[in-house]
Amino acid sequence: MTGSDFHLGAGMVRDGVIEQDEENAAVTEARLASVFDTAADGMVVINDRAQVLAFNKACERLFGYEAADLLGRNVSRIMPEEYARAHDHYVQNYLDTGQRKIIGIGREVLARHKDGTVFPIELSVGEASTPCGRQFIGILRDLRSRKQMEDRLAKTQAQLLHMTRISALDEMGAAIAHELNQPLTAVLLYLQSVSRKTRTDGSLDPLILEVIDKAVREAERAGEIIQRMRQLVEKKAPERQAIEVSDLVGTCLEMAELGSGEGASYMQADIEPGLPALKADPVQIRQILINLLRNAREAVADKVGREVVLSVRRNADRLEFRVTDNGPGVPEELVDGLFRAFTGAKHKGVGLGLAISRSIAQNHGGDLRLETGQGESGASFLLTLPLDPQDDDPGGLLATIGTDDKPGNAHK
């Protein structure tokens, strides 16, 4: 190379005369095209009539179109319908007024794939004046992976919040159980004293005495429940004993009907003959079945021809308890969270009934699930329990409820 022959940018100085180097210009253009097509983000260029002038490889992957499919066509083809209808008006409004609403501003918007799928993108728009008129350059970034990550994070945070609330409920339940135990003991002692006194001297009508005896039994049942509330924290194994299925079902139906104010019962039992005894914690299993029956009672409260059936069948080495009603069923949007704590749809309560019931069932080696219930088909909940349970592994969340603080001798 001589002193009179050297490069300067895209031009060349030769003997003092600047000549445009067409070869270098072609190299520069190829370099820019390479950057355009290898960019990780989508890039699309349109003119002031919203026609696509350039569509890079990332956009092809993002939208499923080949560049040739869109070149010269309106860019609204990659927009959802509600955006597409108004886009040309927005472009014209900017050209007429110069008022910027998105140019120079990054914004989250929706885009449409070739197959019709609508998905979120981040859109940044720049403007350039060219000999051919105004052009707009859009840079598009797919937000689906970020949205999925944000959704997982939100769900994790919600689960942590639920766990915090459950932990607080553990402590609160233990405190309430301890505080209620003393007045309940006093109530039982007073009732038992009255019962013994009246039986001795016959001073009360037998009907009143029968009512007192029922009150004693209900107080004892409340004591049994309180006795197990502390195991909500301690997570002890179930206290198993042999249970006659017909007695269990009869008691549950009777308890579920208390306070209903109904005349003739519409709750029915359907028990397979000859069932063996079930080895389980009677208080905990009653808790599950009464909860299911009362839920069913509420579900059919406004229905003419109400039906609630508790059926029991043997299936190999397990017993299957089904609580079926002919109510409106479980709304589809509630099915996924039906057995999660604090997700109940009732106006009262905190949504723990089914969550605790399933945990009790699983701690017995069984399970509780919804069989049907979407639409107008009614609901059917299936509780399965093993006839010959193995040793339990206590510690399941909300698995059991109990305490060592016993009110008097009511639980003996």
Protein backbone atom coordinates (compact mmCIF):
# COMPACT_ATOMS: atom_id res chain seq x y z
CA MET A 1 0.00 0.00 0.00
CA THR A 2 1.39 3.44 -0.97
CA GLY A 3 0.91 6.75 0.76
CA SER A 4 -1.68 7.74 -1.84
CA ASP A 5 -3.84 4.57 -1.35
CA PHE A 6 -5.64 4.07 2.01
CA HIS A 7 -9.14 3.30 3.32
CA LEU A 8 -11.30 5.73 5.22
CA GLY A 9 -14.45 4.15 6.55
CA ALA A 10 -16.62 2.98 3.64
CA GLY A 11 -14.87 5.29 1.21
CA MET A 12 -11.42 5.27 -0.36
CA VAL A 13 -8.94 8.13 -1.01
CA ARG A 14 -6.96 7.54 -4.19
CA ASP A 15 -4.74 10.28 -5.54
CA GLY A 16 -6.78 12.79 -3.41
CA VAL A 17 -10.17 11.79 -4.90
CA ILE A 18 -12.86 10.21 -2.60
CA GLU A 19 -14.63 7.34 -4.30
CA GLN A 20 -17.64 5.47 -2.91
CA ASP A 21 -16.64 1.89 -2.33
CA GLU A 22 -19.65 -0.13 -3.47
CA GLU A 23 -18.07 -3.33 -2.29
CA ASN A 24 -17.65 -1.97 1.26
CA ALA A 25 -21.21 -0.67 1.23
CA ALA A 26 -22.40 -4.16 0.33
CA VAL A 27 -20.34 -5.60 3.20
CA THR A 28 -21.87 -3.09 5.62
CA GLU A 29 -25.37 -3.93 4.42
CA ALA A 30 -24.70 -7.65 4.81
CA ARG A 31 -23.36 -7.02 8.30
CA LEU A 32 -26.51 -5.14 9.28
CA ALA A 33 -28.69 -7.87 7.75
CA SER A 34 -26.77 -10.45 9.79
CA VAL A 35 -27.38 -8.50 13.00
CA PHE A 36 -31.06 -8.13 12.07
CA ASP A 37 -31.54 -11.84 11.48
CA THR A 38 -29.45 -13.13 14.38
CA ALA A 39 -30.99 -10.85 17.03
CA ALA A 40 -32.55 -12.80 19.91
CA ASP A 41 -35.55 -10.46 20.00
CA GLY A 42 -38.07 -10.14 17.22
CA MET A 43 -37.65 -7.12 14.93
CA VAL A 44 -40.23 -5.89 12.46
CA VAL A 45 -40.13 -2.79 10.27
CA ILE A 46 -43.29 -1.18 8.86
CA ASN A 47 -44.00 1.94 6.79
CA ASP A 48 -46.51 4.69 7.52
CA ARG A 49 -49.25 2.56 5.93
CA ALA A 50 -48.57 -0.23 8.47
CA GLN A 51 -47.18 -2.53 5.76
CA VAL A 52 -44.43 -4.93 6.80
CA LEU A 53 -41.07 -4.09 5.21
CA ALA A 54 -38.83 -6.42 7.19
CA PHE A 55 -39.46 -9.41 9.46
CA ASN A 56 -36.48 -11.09 11.10
CA LYS A 57 -35.82 -14.74 11.94
CA ALA A 58 -36.73 -14.28 15.61
CA CYS A 59 -40.14 -12.96 14.51
CA GLU A 60 -40.59 -16.00 12.29
CA ARG A 61 -40.00 -18.26 15.28
CA LEU A 62 -42.18 -16.10 17.51
CA PHE A 63 -45.21 -15.88 15.23
CA GLY A 64 -44.95 -18.96 13.02
CA TYR A 65 -44.99 -16.92 9.79
CA GLU A 66 -42.29 -16.87 7.13
CA ALA A 67 -41.13 -13.36 6.30
CA ALA A 68 -42.48 -13.82 2.76
CA ASP A 69 -45.96 -14.41 4.21
CA LEU A 70 -46.08 -10.91 5.68
CA LEU A 71 -43.89 -8.65 3.57
CA GLY A 72 -46.10 -5.95 2.02
CA ARG A 73 -49.06 -6.95 4.21
CA ASN A 74 -50.58 -5.09 7.13
CA VAL A 75 -48.81 -5.74 10.42
CA SER A 76 -52.20 -6.22 12.10
CA ARG A 77 -52.00 -9.88 11.07
CA ILE A 78 -49.82 -10.55 14.12
CA MET A 79 -52.16 -8.70 16.48
CA PRO A 80 -55.23 -9.90 18.38
CA GLU A 81 -58.53 -8.79 16.89
CA GLU A 82 -59.14 -5.97 19.36
CA TYR A 83 -55.71 -4.46 18.59
CA ALA A 84 -55.88 -5.09 14.83
CA ARG A 85 -59.12 -3.14 14.39
CA ALA A 86 -57.69 0.03 15.90
CA HIS A 87 -54.04 -0.11 14.79
CA ASP A 88 -54.33 1.76 11.47
CA HIS A 89 -56.26 4.51 13.28
CA TYR A 90 -53.48 4.82 15.89
CA VAL A 91 -50.81 5.13 13.18
CA GLN A 92 -52.80 7.78 11.31
CA ASN A 93 -53.52 9.68 14.51
CA TYR A 94 -49.77 9.87 15.23
CA LEU A 95 -48.99 11.01 11.70
CA ASP A 96 -51.66 13.74 12.00
CA THR A 97 -50.97 14.95 15.55
CA GLY A 98 -47.45 13.81 16.43
CA GLN A 99 -48.81 12.66 19.81
CA ARG A 100 -46.77 9.67 20.99
CA LYS A 101 -48.52 6.87 22.86
CA ILE A 102 -46.09 3.99 22.36
CA ILE A 103 -43.20 5.27 20.19
CA GLY A 104 -40.10 5.50 22.33
CA ILE A 105 -41.90 3.80 25.22
CA GLY A 106 -41.62 0.12 26.08
CA ARG A 107 -44.98 -1.47 26.79
CA GLU A 108 -46.47 -4.88 27.47
CA VAL A 109 -49.04 -5.82 24.81
CA LEU A 110 -50.62 -8.93 23.33
CA ALA A 111 -49.60 -10.60 20.06
CA ARG A 112 -51.17 -13.33 17.97
CA HIS A 113 -49.45 -16.42 16.60
CA LYS A 114 -50.28 -17.84 13.19
CA ASP A 115 -52.31 -20.59 14.89
CA GLY A 116 -54.45 -18.00 16.69
CA THR A 117 -52.73 -18.25 20.08
CA VAL A 118 -52.62 -14.92 21.89
CA PHE A 119 -49.56 -14.33 24.09
CA PRO A 120 -47.88 -11.41 25.91
CA ILE A 121 -44.89 -9.54 24.49
CA GLU A 122 -42.88 -6.49 25.42
CA LEU A 123 -42.94 -4.01 22.53
CA SER A 124 -40.59 -1.07 21.96
CA VAL A 125 -41.17 1.13 18.89
CA GLY A 126 -38.71 3.51 17.26
CA GLU A 127 -39.15 5.84 14.28
CA ALA A 128 -36.90 6.65 11.33
CA SER A 129 -37.21 9.09 8.47
CA THR A 130 -36.04 7.63 5.16
CA PRO A 131 -36.09 8.77 1.51
CA CYS A 132 -39.08 6.45 1.16
CA GLY A 133 -41.02 8.06 4.02
CA ARG A 134 -41.43 7.34 7.70
CA GLN A 135 -40.70 3.88 8.96
CA PHE A 136 -41.32 2.33 12.36
CA ILE A 137 -39.09 -0.32 13.91
CA GLY A 138 -40.63 -2.60 16.50
CA ILE A 139 -38.55 -4.75 18.87
CA LEU A 140 -40.56 -7.58 20.39
CA ARG A 141 -39.67 -9.81 23.33
CA ASP A 142 -41.67 -12.92 24.24
CA LEU A 143 -42.90 -12.65 27.84
CA ARG A 144 -44.43 -16.11 28.23
CA SER A 145 -41.49 -17.65 30.10
CA ARG A 146 -41.30 -14.62 32.39
CA LYS A 147 -45.04 -14.77 33.01
CA GLN A 148 -44.81 -18.47 33.84
CA MET A 149 -41.99 -17.75 36.28
CA GLU A 150 -44.00 -14.92 37.86
CA ASP A 151 -47.01 -17.22 38.13
CA ARG A 152 -44.93 -19.95 39.82
CA LEU A 153 -43.48 -17.36 42.19
CA ALA A 154 -46.95 -16.06 43.04
CA LYS A 155 -48.19 -19.61 43.71
CA THR A 156 -45.16 -20.33 45.89
CA GLN A 157 -45.76 -17.14 47.86
CA ALA A 158 -49.42 -18.08 48.27
CA GLN A 159 -48.43 -21.53 49.54
CA LEU A 160 -46.01 -19.96 52.01
CA LEU A 161 -48.79 -17.66 53.18
CA HIS A 162 -51.10 -20.65 53.62
CA MET A 163 -48.42 -22.49 55.59
CA THR A 164 -47.96 -19.44 57.80
CA ARG A 165 -51.69 -19.26 58.44
CA ILE A 166 -51.84 -22.99 59.16
CA SER A 167 -48.95 -22.65 61.61
CA ALA A 168 -50.79 -19.82 63.34
CA LEU A 169 -53.93 -21.97 63.37
CA ASP A 170 -51.95 -24.78 65.04
CA GLU A 171 -50.96 -22.50 67.89
CA MET A 172 -54.40 -20.94 68.17
CA GLY A 173 -56.13 -24.34 68.14
CA ALA A 174 -53.90 -25.66 70.90
CA ALA A 175 -54.59 -22.59 73.03
CA ILE A 176 -58.36 -22.79 72.43
CA ALA A 177 -58.41 -26.51 73.20
CA HIS A 178 -56.63 -25.91 76.49
CA GLU A 179 -58.90 -23.01 77.50
CA LEU A 180 -62.15 -24.77 76.54
CA ASN A 181 -61.21 -27.95 78.34
CA GLN A 182 -61.74 -26.52 81.83
CA PRO A 183 -65.28 -25.08 81.38
CA LEU A 184 -66.28 -28.21 79.46
CA THR A 185 -65.11 -30.35 82.36
CA ALA A 186 -67.25 -28.24 84.70
CA VAL A 187 -70.31 -28.59 82.44
CA LEU A 188 -69.90 -32.36 82.35
CA LEU A 189 -69.53 -32.59 86.12
CA TYR A 190 -72.64 -30.46 86.69
CA LEU A 191 -74.69 -32.53 84.24
CA GLN A 192 -73.48 -35.81 85.72
CA SER A 193 -74.28 -34.57 89.26
CA VAL A 194 -77.81 -33.55 88.23
CA SER A 195 -78.31 -36.90 86.49
CA ARG A 196 -77.19 -38.89 89.54
CA LYS A 197 -79.29 -36.78 91.91
CA THR A 198 -82.48 -37.04 89.88
CA ARG A 199 -82.05 -40.78 89.34
CA THR A 200 -81.73 -41.21 93.10
CA ASP A 201 -84.82 -39.28 94.25
CA GLY A 202 -86.92 -39.35 91.04
CA SER A 203 -87.57 -35.60 91.22
CA LEU A 204 -87.47 -34.98 87.46
CA ASP A 205 -89.69 -36.11 84.64
CA PRO A 206 -88.09 -39.04 82.76
CA LEU A 207 -88.25 -37.01 79.53
CA ILE A 208 -86.14 -34.25 81.10
CA LEU A 209 -83.73 -36.87 82.39
CA GLU A 210 -83.40 -38.24 78.86
CA VAL A 211 -82.60 -34.74 77.59
CA ILE A 212 -79.90 -34.39 80.26
CA ASP A 213 -78.40 -37.72 79.22
CA LYS A 214 -78.26 -36.51 75.59
CA ALA A 215 -76.59 -33.30 76.74
CA VAL A 216 -73.98 -35.37 78.59
CA ARG A 217 -73.28 -37.42 75.46
CA GLU A 218 -72.92 -34.28 73.34
CA ALA A 219 -70.58 -32.71 75.90
CA GLU A 220 -68.55 -35.90 75.89
CA ARG A 221 -68.35 -35.81 72.10
CA ALA A 222 -67.21 -32.18 72.26
CA GLY A 223 -64.60 -33.27 74.76
CA GLU A 224 -63.38 -35.98 72.39
CA ILE A 225 -62.97 -33.40 69.65
CA ILE A 226 -61.13 -31.03 71.96
CA GLN A 227 -59.00 -33.94 73.16
CA ARG A 228 -57.75 -34.34 69.58
CA MET A 229 -57.29 -30.68 68.74
CA ARG A 230 -53.87 -30.68 70.34
CA GLN A 231 -52.74 -33.48 68.02
CA LEU A 232 -53.16 -30.93 65.24
CA VAL A 233 -49.79 -29.71 66.49
CA GLU A 234 -48.43 -32.92 67.97
CA LYS A 235 -49.41 -35.01 64.89
CA LYS A 236 -49.89 -38.24 66.80
CA ALA A 237 -51.01 -41.43 65.12
CA PRO A 238 -54.75 -42.24 65.11
CA GLU A 239 -56.08 -44.09 68.15
CA ARG A 240 -57.48 -47.12 66.35
CA GLN A 241 -60.16 -49.45 67.59
CA ALA A 242 -62.64 -51.85 65.99
CA ILE A 243 -65.71 -50.00 64.69
CA GLU A 244 -68.98 -51.58 63.63
CA VAL A 245 -69.78 -49.94 60.31
CA SER A 246 -73.57 -49.89 60.79
CA ASP A 247 -73.21 -48.17 64.17
CA LEU A 248 -70.76 -45.66 62.72
CA VAL A 249 -73.05 -44.80 59.82
CA GLY A 250 -76.13 -44.49 62.05
CA THR A 251 -74.34 -42.15 64.44
CA CYS A 252 -73.02 -39.98 61.60
CA LEU A 253 -76.46 -39.63 59.99
CA GLU A 254 -78.00 -38.73 63.34
CA MET A 255 -75.34 -36.11 64.08
CA ALA A 256 -75.48 -34.63 60.57
CA GLU A 257 -79.23 -34.06 60.90
CA LEU A 258 -78.96 -32.23 64.23
CA GLY A 259 -80.05 -28.63 63.88
CA SER A 260 -81.52 -29.11 60.41
CA GLY A 261 -85.07 -28.43 61.59
CA GLU A 262 -86.36 -30.90 59.01
CA GLY A 263 -89.27 -33.29 59.42
CA ALA A 264 -88.85 -36.64 57.69
CA SER A 265 -85.21 -37.42 56.98
CA TYR A 266 -83.94 -37.36 53.41
CA MET A 267 -80.54 -38.74 54.46
CA GLN A 268 -80.31 -42.44 53.76
CA ALA A 269 -77.83 -45.25 54.45
CA ASP A 270 -76.96 -48.00 51.98
CA ILE A 271 -74.66 -50.55 53.64
CA GLU A 272 -73.45 -53.76 52.04
CA PRO A 273 -74.40 -56.72 54.29
CA GLY A 274 -71.75 -58.64 56.19
CA LEU A 275 -69.07 -55.97 56.31
CA PRO A 276 -66.20 -56.63 58.76
CA ALA A 277 -65.31 -54.19 61.52
CA LEU A 278 -63.20 -51.22 60.54
CA LYS A 279 -60.03 -50.59 62.54
CA ALA A 280 -59.74 -46.82 62.76
CA ASP A 281 -60.01 -43.82 65.06
CA PRO A 282 -63.80 -43.50 65.52
CA VAL A 283 -63.79 -39.79 66.39
CA GLN A 284 -61.69 -38.85 63.38
CA ILE A 285 -63.68 -40.98 60.93
CA ARG A 286 -66.95 -39.58 62.31
CA GLN A 287 -65.48 -36.12 61.81
CA ILE A 288 -64.89 -36.84 58.10
CA LEU A 289 -68.29 -38.39 57.44
CA ILE A 290 -70.26 -35.77 59.39
CA ASN A 291 -68.43 -33.01 57.53
CA LEU A 292 -69.27 -34.62 54.17
CA LEU A 293 -72.91 -35.19 55.17
CA ARG A 294 -73.37 -31.63 56.37
CA ASN A 295 -71.82 -30.29 53.18
CA ALA A 296 -74.26 -32.45 51.21
CA ARG A 297 -77.15 -31.22 53.37
CA GLU A 298 -76.24 -27.63 52.54
CA ALA A 299 -75.90 -28.47 48.84
CA VAL A 300 -79.50 -29.75 48.57
CA ALA A 301 -81.06 -27.21 50.96
CA ASP A 302 -82.91 -25.36 48.17
CA LYS A 303 -83.80 -28.40 46.07
CA VAL A 304 -87.16 -30.13 45.79
CA GLY A 305 -86.85 -33.89 46.21
CA ARG A 306 -83.61 -33.76 48.18
CA GLU A 307 -81.45 -36.87 48.39
CA VAL A 308 -78.32 -37.56 50.42
CA VAL A 309 -77.02 -41.13 50.57
CA LEU A 310 -74.15 -42.54 52.62
CA SER A 311 -73.23 -45.90 51.10
CA VAL A 312 -70.57 -48.35 52.24
CA ARG A 313 -69.06 -51.12 50.11
CA ARG A 314 -66.10 -53.44 50.38
CA ASN A 315 -63.49 -53.31 47.63
CA ALA A 316 -60.80 -55.96 48.18
CA ASP A 317 -58.96 -54.98 51.36
CA ARG A 318 -60.62 -51.57 51.67
CA LEU A 319 -63.94 -50.06 52.65
CA GLU A 320 -65.43 -47.38 50.41
CA PHE A 321 -67.69 -44.75 51.98
CA ARG A 322 -69.57 -42.63 49.42
CA VAL A 323 -71.56 -39.53 50.30
CA THR A 324 -73.72 -38.65 47.30
CA ASP A 325 -76.25 -35.85 46.85
CA ASN A 326 -78.46 -34.59 44.03
CA GLY A 327 -77.53 -30.93 44.49
CA PRO A 328 -76.00 -28.55 41.93
CA GLY A 329 -72.54 -30.13 42.09
CA VAL A 330 -69.17 -28.47 42.66
CA PRO A 331 -68.39 -25.49 40.36
CA GLU A 332 -65.61 -26.41 37.95
CA GLU A 333 -63.47 -23.46 39.00
CA LEU A 334 -63.38 -24.76 42.60
CA VAL A 335 -62.46 -28.39 41.86
CA ASP A 336 -58.67 -27.92 41.71
CA GLY A 337 -58.50 -26.21 45.10
CA LEU A 338 -61.24 -28.18 46.82
CA PHE A 339 -58.95 -29.99 49.27
CA ARG A 340 -56.53 -27.11 49.89
CA ALA A 341 -56.72 -25.18 53.14
CA PHE A 342 -58.28 -21.68 53.08
CA THR A 343 -59.78 -22.11 49.59
CA GLY A 344 -63.38 -22.89 50.57
CA ALA A 345 -66.20 -21.01 48.85
CA LYS A 346 -68.50 -20.82 51.87
CA HIS A 347 -69.31 -17.45 53.38
CA LYS A 348 -68.61 -18.91 56.83
CA GLY A 349 -65.54 -20.83 57.97
CA VAL A 350 -61.97 -20.78 56.73
CA GLY A 351 -62.06 -23.60 54.19
CA LEU A 352 -60.40 -26.25 56.36
CA GLY A 353 -63.08 -28.98 56.51
CA LEU A 354 -62.14 -30.95 53.40
CA ALA A 355 -58.42 -30.24 53.82
CA ILE A 356 -58.44 -31.71 57.33
CA SER A 357 -60.70 -34.60 56.26
CA ARG A 358 -58.37 -35.67 53.46
CA SER A 359 -55.34 -35.43 55.80
CA ILE A 360 -57.11 -37.63 58.37
CA ALA A 361 -57.96 -40.18 55.67
CA GLN A 362 -54.40 -40.25 54.37
CA ASN A 363 -53.04 -40.59 57.89
CA HIS A 364 -55.22 -43.74 58.17
CA GLY A 365 -53.65 -45.10 54.98
CA GLY A 366 -56.67 -44.15 52.85
CA ASP A 367 -57.78 -41.17 50.78
CA LEU A 368 -60.66 -38.78 50.14
CA ARG A 369 -61.53 -37.49 46.70
CA LEU A 370 -64.30 -36.01 44.60
CA GLU A 371 -65.71 -38.53 42.12
CA THR A 372 -68.29 -36.34 40.39
CA GLY A 373 -69.83 -32.98 41.00
CA GLN A 374 -69.36 -30.70 38.01
CA GLY A 375 -72.46 -29.30 36.36
CA GLU A 376 -75.91 -30.45 37.47
CA SER A 377 -74.98 -34.05 38.30
CA GLY A 378 -74.70 -33.60 42.04
CA ALA A 379 -71.62 -34.40 44.08
CA SER A 380 -70.13 -37.70 45.19
CA PHE A 381 -67.23 -37.86 47.64
CA LEU A 382 -65.38 -41.16 48.09
CA LEU A 383 -63.59 -42.00 51.35
CA THR A 384 -61.45 -45.15 51.16
CA LEU A 385 -60.00 -46.77 54.29
CA PRO A 386 -57.93 -49.97 54.65
CA LEU A 387 -59.50 -52.83 56.61
CA ASP A 388 -56.11 -54.05 57.82
CA PRO A 389 -54.03 -50.86 58.24
CA GLN A 390 -50.27 -50.93 58.58
CA ASP A 391 -48.39 -48.88 61.14
CA ASP A 392 -48.93 -45.22 60.51
CA ASP A 393 -46.31 -42.65 59.80
CA PRO A 394 -47.69 -39.63 61.65
CA GLY A 395 -46.80 -36.10 60.72
CA GLY A 396 -49.07 -35.30 57.79
CA LEU A 397 -50.23 -31.71 57.77
CA LEU A 398 -53.46 -31.27 59.71
CA ALA A 399 -53.55 -35.05 59.98
CA THR A 400 -55.05 -35.52 63.42
CA ILE A 401 -56.56 -33.65 66.33
CA GLY A 402 -56.19 -34.52 70.03
CA THR A 403 -54.76 -33.72 73.46
CA ASP A 404 -53.94 -35.35 76.76
CA ASP A 405 -56.10 -32.84 78.67
CA LYS A 406 -59.20 -34.91 79.39
CA PRO A 407 -62.35 -33.30 80.88
CA GLY A 408 -63.05 -35.39 83.96
CA ASN A 409 -63.70 -39.03 83.12
CA ALA A 410 -65.95 -38.21 80.17
CA HIS A 411 -63.72 -39.91 77.58
CA LYS A 412 -63.21 -43.16 79.39
